[in-house]
Amino acid sequence: MRGSLRSLTGLAVAAMCLCMTLPAQAQNDTEKTALEQKLKGQFALTTVTADRRDIVTPGTVLVLHKEGLLMYAIFSPMPPMNTYKNGKVTQGWSGFGRDMAISMRTPGNPPAEVYPRRKFVEGEKVWITGYSVAKDGVLLQLYSDPYGELRFYGQLKILYPKGSVPPADEVLRTISEVVTADAPVPETPAATMMAPIPPPPPPADVPPASPQTIALGQSKEEVVAMLGQPQKVASLGPKEIYYYPDMKIIFLNGKVKDIQ
């Protein structure tokens, strides 16, 4: 009888724990999905070649706001692990464990220090090549421009303060403490970028053009094209007189008949 009571009590406790766990898990999954959507909207991923030597499709550029981000040369078999917590970027035990894994994946098992490394400082910029939402934080995959002839890559995990997935906006605020998307340079309209370009002066060895002269038989249009509009016009049937400051031109049936 007592054994049966103990069994029933154990089942009741298990059922209560299950009832408490399921809503919490559902809430955690909801926050995770919301966070993934926010990250997708904020970061366009950069794609790189299979050997990690170059960029195929550029994405979002991130600006660093903290010191201490460690990255290894791209020919390291794995990137180093950095964590961000309490306002600091460190390697810690996760970095130590990653270095051991790198050593084990390298022929002869040398220490991870054989690979060139670089610590990035506040204000430097990196590409984001991937991200994932884990139970304990958001993991960012980072990739650098060439320094000398080397590119570097690394991982940065932004840890949750309490272990469970916080609201998406809270996580994004924490991420923005250490990295933010670089603002694109605004495009300047072509009209403001390009000033009118004056025509080049004629070469010094080109003689000036001969002055145009009025000749008998020219049309009124030809005369106006050379001298401009007359000061006065007198019309006498088929005969017209164009008065200019220093001459008058007589037209007959629209052609120059006389010049005075």
Protein backbone atom coordinates (compact mmCIF):
# COMPACT_ATOMS: atom_id res chain seq x y z
CA MET A 1 0.00 0.00 0.00
CA ARG A 2 2.74 2.42 0.96
CA GLY A 3 4.62 1.53 -2.20
CA SER A 4 1.57 2.34 -4.26
CA LEU A 5 1.20 5.70 -2.52
CA ARG A 6 4.83 6.50 -3.18
CA SER A 7 4.39 5.62 -6.86
CA LEU A 8 1.30 7.78 -7.13
CA THR A 9 3.08 10.65 -5.38
CA GLY A 10 6.06 10.32 -7.74
CA LEU A 11 3.78 10.35 -10.77
CA ALA A 12 1.97 13.41 -9.47
CA VAL A 13 5.23 15.28 -8.92
CA ALA A 14 6.47 14.29 -12.38
CA ALA A 15 3.21 15.47 -13.94
CA MET A 16 3.47 18.79 -12.11
CA CYS A 17 7.06 19.26 -13.30
CA LEU A 18 6.01 18.43 -16.85
CA CYS A 19 3.15 20.92 -16.69
CA MET A 20 5.58 23.60 -15.50
CA THR A 21 8.27 22.72 -18.07
CA LEU A 22 6.11 22.65 -21.20
CA PRO A 23 4.90 26.28 -21.01
CA ALA A 24 8.45 27.45 -20.25
CA GLN A 25 9.81 25.49 -23.22
CA ALA A 26 7.08 26.88 -25.47
CA GLN A 27 7.92 30.42 -24.35
CA ASN A 28 11.61 29.75 -24.97
CA ASP A 29 10.87 28.50 -28.50
CA THR A 30 8.74 31.58 -29.19
CA GLU A 31 11.51 33.95 -28.10
CA LYS A 32 14.05 31.99 -30.13
CA THR A 33 11.94 32.26 -33.30
CA ALA A 34 11.37 35.98 -32.75
CA LEU A 35 15.11 36.51 -32.21
CA GLU A 36 16.01 34.61 -35.39
CA GLN A 37 13.62 36.82 -37.38
CA LYS A 38 15.11 39.99 -35.87
CA LEU A 39 18.65 38.85 -36.68
CA LYS A 40 17.65 37.98 -40.24
CA GLY A 41 16.24 41.48 -40.72
CA GLN A 42 19.29 43.18 -39.23
CA PHE A 43 22.21 41.24 -40.74
CA ALA A 44 22.77 40.33 -44.40
CA LEU A 45 25.25 37.46 -44.45
CA THR A 46 28.51 37.58 -46.38
CA THR A 47 29.34 34.45 -48.36
CA VAL A 48 32.94 33.37 -48.85
CA THR A 49 34.71 30.83 -51.04
CA ALA A 50 35.02 27.23 -49.87
CA ASP A 51 38.67 27.77 -48.95
CA ARG A 52 37.73 31.00 -47.10
CA ARG A 53 40.26 32.98 -49.14
CA ASP A 54 37.89 35.56 -50.60
CA ILE A 55 34.40 37.06 -50.52
CA VAL A 56 31.80 35.87 -53.03
CA THR A 57 28.84 38.02 -51.96
CA PRO A 58 29.37 40.92 -49.53
CA GLY A 59 26.86 41.40 -46.72
CA THR A 60 26.62 43.53 -43.59
CA VAL A 61 29.77 45.13 -42.20
CA LEU A 62 29.99 45.18 -38.40
CA VAL A 63 31.76 47.84 -36.35
CA LEU A 64 33.43 46.66 -33.14
CA HIS A 65 32.72 48.58 -29.92
CA LYS A 66 34.83 46.47 -27.54
CA GLU A 67 38.45 45.42 -27.32
CA GLY A 68 39.77 41.86 -27.30
CA LEU A 69 38.15 40.07 -30.25
CA LEU A 70 40.64 37.33 -31.22
CA MET A 71 40.65 35.91 -34.75
CA TYR A 72 42.90 33.30 -36.40
CA ALA A 73 44.20 33.09 -39.97
CA ILE A 74 41.66 31.45 -42.27
CA PHE A 75 43.81 28.34 -42.78
CA SER A 76 43.30 27.37 -39.13
CA PRO A 77 40.99 24.30 -39.19
CA MET A 78 38.57 26.03 -36.81
CA PRO A 79 37.98 29.64 -35.78
CA PRO A 80 38.76 30.70 -32.21
CA MET A 81 35.89 31.18 -29.75
CA ASN A 82 35.25 34.54 -28.06
CA THR A 83 32.50 35.25 -25.54
CA TYR A 84 30.88 38.53 -24.57
CA LYS A 85 29.53 38.88 -21.05
CA ASN A 86 29.43 41.66 -18.46
CA GLY A 87 30.74 44.19 -20.97
CA LYS A 88 33.92 42.28 -21.92
CA VAL A 89 35.09 40.11 -24.83
CA THR A 90 37.21 37.21 -23.57
CA GLN A 91 38.29 33.74 -24.64
CA GLY A 92 38.00 32.01 -21.24
CA TRP A 93 37.40 28.28 -20.92
CA SER A 94 35.46 28.10 -24.18
CA GLY A 95 38.44 29.61 -25.98
CA PHE A 96 40.80 27.17 -24.28
CA GLY A 97 38.61 24.26 -25.33
CA ARG A 98 38.49 25.51 -28.91
CA ASP A 99 42.29 25.80 -29.02
CA MET A 100 42.57 22.17 -27.91
CA ALA A 101 40.20 21.13 -30.71
CA ILE A 102 42.25 23.12 -33.24
CA SER A 103 45.43 21.42 -32.02
CA MET A 104 43.85 17.97 -32.37
CA ARG A 105 42.76 18.75 -35.94
CA THR A 106 46.24 19.88 -36.97
CA PRO A 107 48.72 17.22 -38.17
CA GLY A 108 51.23 16.53 -35.42
CA ASN A 109 48.94 18.21 -32.83
CA PRO A 110 50.96 21.42 -32.41
CA PRO A 111 49.47 24.12 -30.17
CA ALA A 112 46.90 26.45 -31.78
CA GLU A 113 49.46 29.27 -31.42
CA VAL A 114 51.16 28.04 -34.61
CA TYR A 115 48.43 29.81 -36.58
CA PRO A 116 48.76 33.56 -37.12
CA ARG A 117 46.31 35.46 -34.96
CA ARG A 118 45.15 39.03 -34.54
CA LYS A 119 43.29 40.89 -31.81
CA PHE A 120 40.83 43.43 -33.15
CA VAL A 121 40.19 46.70 -31.36
CA GLU A 122 37.30 49.09 -30.96
CA GLY A 123 36.36 50.83 -34.20
CA GLU A 124 37.67 48.12 -36.55
CA LYS A 125 35.27 46.45 -38.96
CA VAL A 126 34.52 42.84 -39.85
CA TRP A 127 32.06 40.94 -42.05
CA ILE A 128 29.35 38.66 -40.64
CA THR A 129 29.20 35.29 -42.40
CA GLY A 130 26.70 33.51 -40.15
CA TYR A 131 24.75 33.49 -36.90
CA SER A 132 22.82 30.98 -34.81
CA VAL A 133 20.60 31.15 -31.74
CA ALA A 134 21.70 28.70 -29.04
CA LYS A 135 20.33 27.94 -25.57
CA ASP A 136 22.96 30.07 -23.86
CA GLY A 137 23.56 32.84 -26.38
CA VAL A 138 23.77 34.10 -29.96
CA LEU A 139 26.80 32.90 -31.93
CA LEU A 140 28.19 35.21 -34.64
CA GLN A 141 30.59 34.03 -37.36
CA LEU A 142 33.03 36.84 -38.27
CA TYR A 143 35.47 37.35 -41.16
CA SER A 144 38.02 40.09 -41.84
CA ASP A 145 39.42 42.03 -44.76
CA PRO A 146 43.04 41.17 -45.69
CA TYR A 147 45.79 42.40 -43.35
CA GLY A 148 48.93 42.12 -45.40
CA GLU A 149 48.15 38.91 -47.28
CA LEU A 150 46.08 37.28 -44.53
CA ARG A 151 42.38 37.23 -43.77
CA PHE A 152 41.20 36.19 -40.30
CA TYR A 153 38.06 34.58 -38.94
CA GLY A 154 36.54 33.89 -35.55
CA GLN A 155 33.39 33.29 -33.53
CA LEU A 156 31.78 35.57 -30.98
CA LYS A 157 29.11 34.27 -28.62
CA ILE A 158 26.96 36.87 -26.88
CA LEU A 159 25.83 35.08 -23.74
CA TYR A 160 22.36 35.47 -22.24
CA PRO A 161 22.44 36.92 -18.72
CA LYS A 162 20.29 34.18 -17.17
CA GLY A 163 20.77 31.18 -19.44
CA SER A 164 17.31 31.20 -21.04
CA VAL A 165 16.46 33.11 -24.22
CA PRO A 166 15.48 36.70 -23.26
CA PRO A 167 13.12 38.84 -25.36
CA ALA A 168 14.53 39.51 -28.83
CA ASP A 169 14.87 43.27 -28.35
CA GLU A 170 16.84 42.73 -25.15
CA VAL A 171 19.27 40.41 -26.94
CA LEU A 172 19.71 42.90 -29.79
CA ARG A 173 20.55 45.62 -27.28
CA THR A 174 23.24 43.38 -25.78
CA ILE A 175 24.63 42.60 -29.24
CA SER A 176 24.76 46.33 -30.03
CA GLU A 177 27.05 46.83 -27.03
CA VAL A 178 29.80 44.92 -28.83
CA VAL A 179 28.96 45.17 -32.57
CA THR A 180 26.62 47.22 -34.74
CA ALA A 181 25.94 47.32 -38.47
CA ASP A 182 28.05 49.91 -40.23
CA ALA A 183 25.92 52.73 -41.67
CA PRO A 184 26.07 52.74 -45.50
CA VAL A 185 27.49 55.83 -47.17
CA PRO A 186 24.52 57.82 -48.56
CA GLU A 187 24.47 58.18 -52.31
CA THR A 188 24.86 61.74 -53.55
CA PRO A 189 22.60 62.68 -56.48
CA ALA A 190 24.50 62.98 -59.73
CA ALA A 191 23.35 66.58 -60.14
CA THR A 192 25.20 67.61 -56.98
CA MET A 193 28.21 65.42 -57.63
CA MET A 194 29.01 66.72 -61.12
CA ALA A 195 29.67 70.42 -61.73
CA PRO A 196 29.36 71.79 -65.26
CA ILE A 197 32.59 71.28 -67.17
CA PRO A 198 33.61 74.31 -69.27
CA PRO A 199 34.71 73.58 -72.83
CA PRO A 200 38.49 73.36 -73.19
CA PRO A 201 40.24 76.32 -74.82
CA PRO A 202 41.39 75.79 -78.41
CA PRO A 203 45.00 74.68 -78.82
CA ALA A 204 47.44 77.59 -79.13
CA ASP A 205 48.55 76.54 -82.62
CA VAL A 206 45.01 76.58 -84.08
CA PRO A 207 44.41 79.90 -85.93
CA PRO A 208 41.22 81.80 -85.04
CA ALA A 209 38.22 81.27 -87.29
CA SER A 210 37.83 83.75 -90.13
CA PRO A 211 35.07 86.30 -89.59
CA GLN A 212 31.89 85.51 -91.47
CA THR A 213 30.97 87.92 -94.28
CA ILE A 214 27.70 88.80 -95.95
CA ALA A 215 27.54 88.01 -99.66
CA LEU A 216 25.05 88.65 -102.42
CA GLY A 217 22.50 85.91 -102.84
CA GLN A 218 22.44 84.83 -99.18
CA SER A 219 19.07 84.24 -97.54
CA LYS A 220 17.64 86.25 -94.66
CA GLU A 221 18.13 83.24 -92.38
CA GLU A 222 21.83 83.08 -93.24
CA VAL A 223 22.28 86.79 -92.55
CA VAL A 224 20.46 86.63 -89.21
CA ALA A 225 22.54 83.58 -88.23
CA MET A 226 25.71 85.65 -88.74
CA LEU A 227 24.66 89.12 -87.59
CA GLY A 228 21.72 88.49 -85.32
CA GLN A 229 18.34 90.22 -85.52
CA PRO A 230 18.37 93.67 -87.23
CA GLN A 231 17.57 96.85 -85.32
CA LYS A 232 14.84 97.69 -87.79
CA VAL A 233 13.15 96.12 -90.83
CA ALA A 234 11.55 98.05 -93.68
CA SER A 235 9.25 96.05 -95.97
CA LEU A 236 8.56 97.36 -99.47
CA GLY A 237 6.69 94.53 -101.18
CA PRO A 238 9.24 91.99 -102.43
CA LYS A 239 11.97 94.28 -101.21
CA GLU A 240 13.09 94.34 -97.53
CA ILE A 241 15.77 96.38 -95.82
CA TYR A 242 17.49 95.11 -92.64
CA TYR A 243 19.12 97.90 -90.66
CA TYR A 244 22.21 97.07 -88.57
CA PRO A 245 24.38 99.54 -86.57
CA ASP A 246 27.02 99.86 -89.30
CA MET A 247 25.22 98.66 -92.41
CA LYS A 248 21.95 98.02 -94.11
CA ILE A 249 21.21 94.97 -96.18
CA ILE A 250 18.67 95.00 -98.97
CA PHE A 251 16.82 91.79 -99.79
CA LEU A 252 14.85 91.10 -102.94
CA ASN A 253 12.54 88.11 -102.83
CA GLY A 254 14.35 86.92 -99.66
CA LYS A 255 17.88 87.08 -101.08
CA VAL A 256 20.63 89.66 -100.50
CA LYS A 257 20.49 92.15 -103.35
CA ASP A 258 22.70 94.95 -102.04
CA ILE A 259 24.86 95.79 -99.00
CA GLN A 260 25.33 99.46 -97.96
